Amino acid sequence: VMKARVQVFLKPGLYDPQGEAIKGVLQSIGFGMVKDCRQGKIFLIDLEKASGENEARAKVDEMCRKLLANQVIEDYSFEIQD
């Protein structure tokens, strides 16, 4: 079984209301050094029956493009582990 870790975040420059809210709360509870915060999603996916890392990477990329990330407003990255 291979494991994929996918990270999805809003593209740079897009307003992130959840990140802004988190930043505000962090600052209000004493973490004034926080200058920016971006909120995102992480998916941990177990993969079976991949013939190797190349196939696993291709399948995870397809999952991201078809479902996990809205490519108009989000960027994604992922890593595959054995």
C-alpha atoms as a PDB file:
ATOM      1  CA  VAL A   1       0.000   0.000   0.000  1.00  0.00           C
ATOM      2  CA  MET A   2       1.323   3.438  -0.938  1.00  0.00           C
ATOM      3  CA  LYS A   3       0.289   6.605   0.838  1.00  0.00           C
ATOM      4  CA  ALA A   4      -0.412   9.994  -0.706  1.00  0.00           C
ATOM      5  CA  ARG A   5      -0.440  13.271   1.194  1.00  0.00           C
ATOM      6  CA  VAL A   6      -2.235  15.992  -0.771  1.00  0.00           C
ATOM      7  CA  GLN A   7      -2.198  19.684   0.213  1.00  0.00           C
ATOM      8  CA  VAL A   8      -4.686  22.138  -1.269  1.00  0.00           C
ATOM      9  CA  PHE A   9      -4.549  25.911  -0.699  1.00  0.00           C
ATOM     10  CA  LEU A  10      -6.113  28.981  -2.245  1.00  0.00           C
ATOM     11  CA  LYS A  11      -3.908  30.529  -4.910  1.00  0.00           C
ATOM     12  CA  PRO A  12      -1.662  33.361  -3.727  1.00  0.00           C
ATOM     13  CA  GLY A  13      -3.350  36.743  -3.863  1.00  0.00           C
ATOM     14  CA  LEU A  14      -6.873  35.385  -3.319  1.00  0.00           C
ATOM     15  CA  TYR A  15      -8.664  36.503  -0.174  1.00  0.00           C
ATOM     16  CA  ASP A  16      -8.705  33.757   2.458  1.00  0.00           C
ATOM     17  CA  PRO A  17     -11.429  34.654   5.007  1.00  0.00           C
ATOM     18  CA  GLN A  18     -10.756  31.626   7.210  1.00  0.00           C
ATOM     19  CA  GLY A  19      -7.036  32.336   7.250  1.00  0.00           C
ATOM     20  CA  GLU A  20      -7.734  35.973   8.147  1.00  0.00           C
ATOM     21  CA  ALA A  21     -10.062  34.929  10.991  1.00  0.00           C
ATOM     22  CA  ILE A  22      -7.453  32.506  12.365  1.00  0.00           C
ATOM     23  CA  LYS A  23      -4.778  35.202  12.113  1.00  0.00           C
ATOM     24  CA  GLY A  24      -6.990  37.651  14.020  1.00  0.00           C
ATOM     25  CA  VAL A  25      -7.678  35.201  16.835  1.00  0.00           C
ATOM     26  CA  LEU A  26      -4.012  34.222  17.106  1.00  0.00           C
ATOM     27  CA  GLN A  27      -3.040  37.890  17.360  1.00  0.00           C
ATOM     28  CA  SER A  28      -5.757  38.561  19.956  1.00  0.00           C
ATOM     29  CA  ILE A  29      -4.563  35.748  22.234  1.00  0.00           C
ATOM     30  CA  GLY A  30      -1.005  36.952  22.355  1.00  0.00           C
ATOM     31  CA  PHE A  31       0.625  35.811  19.129  1.00  0.00           C
ATOM     32  CA  GLY A  32       1.222  39.250  17.662  1.00  0.00           C
ATOM     33  CA  MET A  33       4.100  37.969  15.571  1.00  0.00           C
ATOM     34  CA  VAL A  34       1.609  36.257  13.219  1.00  0.00           C
ATOM     35  CA  LYS A  35       1.541  38.416  10.083  1.00  0.00           C
ATOM     36  CA  ASP A  36      -0.348  36.082   7.737  1.00  0.00           C
ATOM     37  CA  CYS A  37      -2.206  32.791   7.881  1.00  0.00           C
ATOM     38  CA  ARG A  38      -3.532  30.670   5.040  1.00  0.00           C
ATOM     39  CA  GLN A  39      -6.058  27.926   5.674  1.00  0.00           C
ATOM     40  CA  GLY A  40      -6.022  24.834   3.492  1.00  0.00           C
ATOM     41  CA  LYS A  41      -6.927  21.185   3.265  1.00  0.00           C
ATOM     42  CA  ILE A  42      -4.835  18.050   3.662  1.00  0.00           C
ATOM     43  CA  PHE A  43      -5.936  14.659   2.353  1.00  0.00           C
ATOM     44  CA  LEU A  44      -4.235  11.433   3.446  1.00  0.00           C
ATOM     45  CA  ILE A  45      -5.003   8.716   0.912  1.00  0.00           C
ATOM     46  CA  ASP A  46      -4.023   5.041   1.001  1.00  0.00           C
ATOM     47  CA  LEU A  47      -3.487   3.586  -2.473  1.00  0.00           C
ATOM     48  CA  GLU A  48      -3.654  -0.076  -3.405  1.00  0.00           C
ATOM     49  CA  LYS A  49      -2.650  -1.841  -6.593  1.00  0.00           C
ATOM     50  CA  ALA A  50      -0.426   0.852  -8.066  1.00  0.00           C
ATOM     51  CA  SER A  51       2.262  -0.674 -10.260  1.00  0.00           C
ATOM     52  CA  GLY A  52       4.790   1.829  -8.973  1.00  0.00           C
ATOM     53  CA  GLU A  53       5.334   5.409  -7.912  1.00  0.00           C
ATOM     54  CA  ASN A  54       4.832   6.806 -11.425  1.00  0.00           C
ATOM     55  CA  GLU A  55       1.353   5.262 -11.706  1.00  0.00           C
ATOM     56  CA  ALA A  56       0.481   6.369  -8.173  1.00  0.00           C
ATOM     57  CA  ARG A  57       1.592   9.942  -8.958  1.00  0.00           C
ATOM     58  CA  ALA A  58      -0.478   9.992 -12.153  1.00  0.00           C
ATOM     59  CA  LYS A  59      -3.581   8.722 -10.342  1.00  0.00           C
ATOM     60  CA  VAL A  60      -3.238  11.178  -7.449  1.00  0.00           C
ATOM     61  CA  ASP A  61      -2.722  14.055  -9.886  1.00  0.00           C
ATOM     62  CA  GLU A  62      -5.910  12.982 -11.678  1.00  0.00           C
ATOM     63  CA  MET A  63      -7.778  12.849  -8.331  1.00  0.00           C
ATOM     64  CA  CYS A  64      -6.650  16.392  -7.592  1.00  0.00           C
ATOM     65  CA  ARG A  65      -7.673  17.713 -10.991  1.00  0.00           C
ATOM     66  CA  LYS A  66     -11.063  15.966 -10.975  1.00  0.00           C
ATOM     67  CA  LEU A  67     -12.185  16.366  -7.353  1.00  0.00           C
ATOM     68  CA  LEU A  68      -9.823  17.465  -4.613  1.00  0.00           C
ATOM     69  CA  ALA A  69      -8.816  20.917  -5.912  1.00  0.00           C
ATOM     70  CA  ASN A  70     -10.686  23.626  -7.766  1.00  0.00           C
ATOM     71  CA  GLN A  71      -7.896  24.622 -10.140  1.00  0.00           C
ATOM     72  CA  VAL A  72      -9.485  28.004 -10.854  1.00  0.00           C
ATOM     73  CA  ILE A  73      -8.857  29.196  -7.281  1.00  0.00           C
ATOM     74  CA  GLU A  74      -6.680  26.518  -5.640  1.00  0.00           C
ATOM     75  CA  ASP A  75      -3.191  25.107  -6.033  1.00  0.00           C
ATOM     76  CA  TYR A  76      -2.271  21.604  -4.944  1.00  0.00           C
ATOM     77  CA  SER A  77       0.822  19.576  -4.235  1.00  0.00           C
ATOM     78  CA  PHE A  78       1.319  16.019  -3.118  1.00  0.00           C
ATOM     79  CA  GLU A  79       3.876  13.451  -2.119  1.00  0.00           C
ATOM     80  CA  ILE A  80       3.803   9.680  -2.411  1.00  0.00           C
ATOM     81  CA  GLN A  81       5.288   7.419   0.262  1.00  0.00           C
ATOM     82  CA  ASP A  82       5.776   3.652   0.283  1.00  0.00           C
END
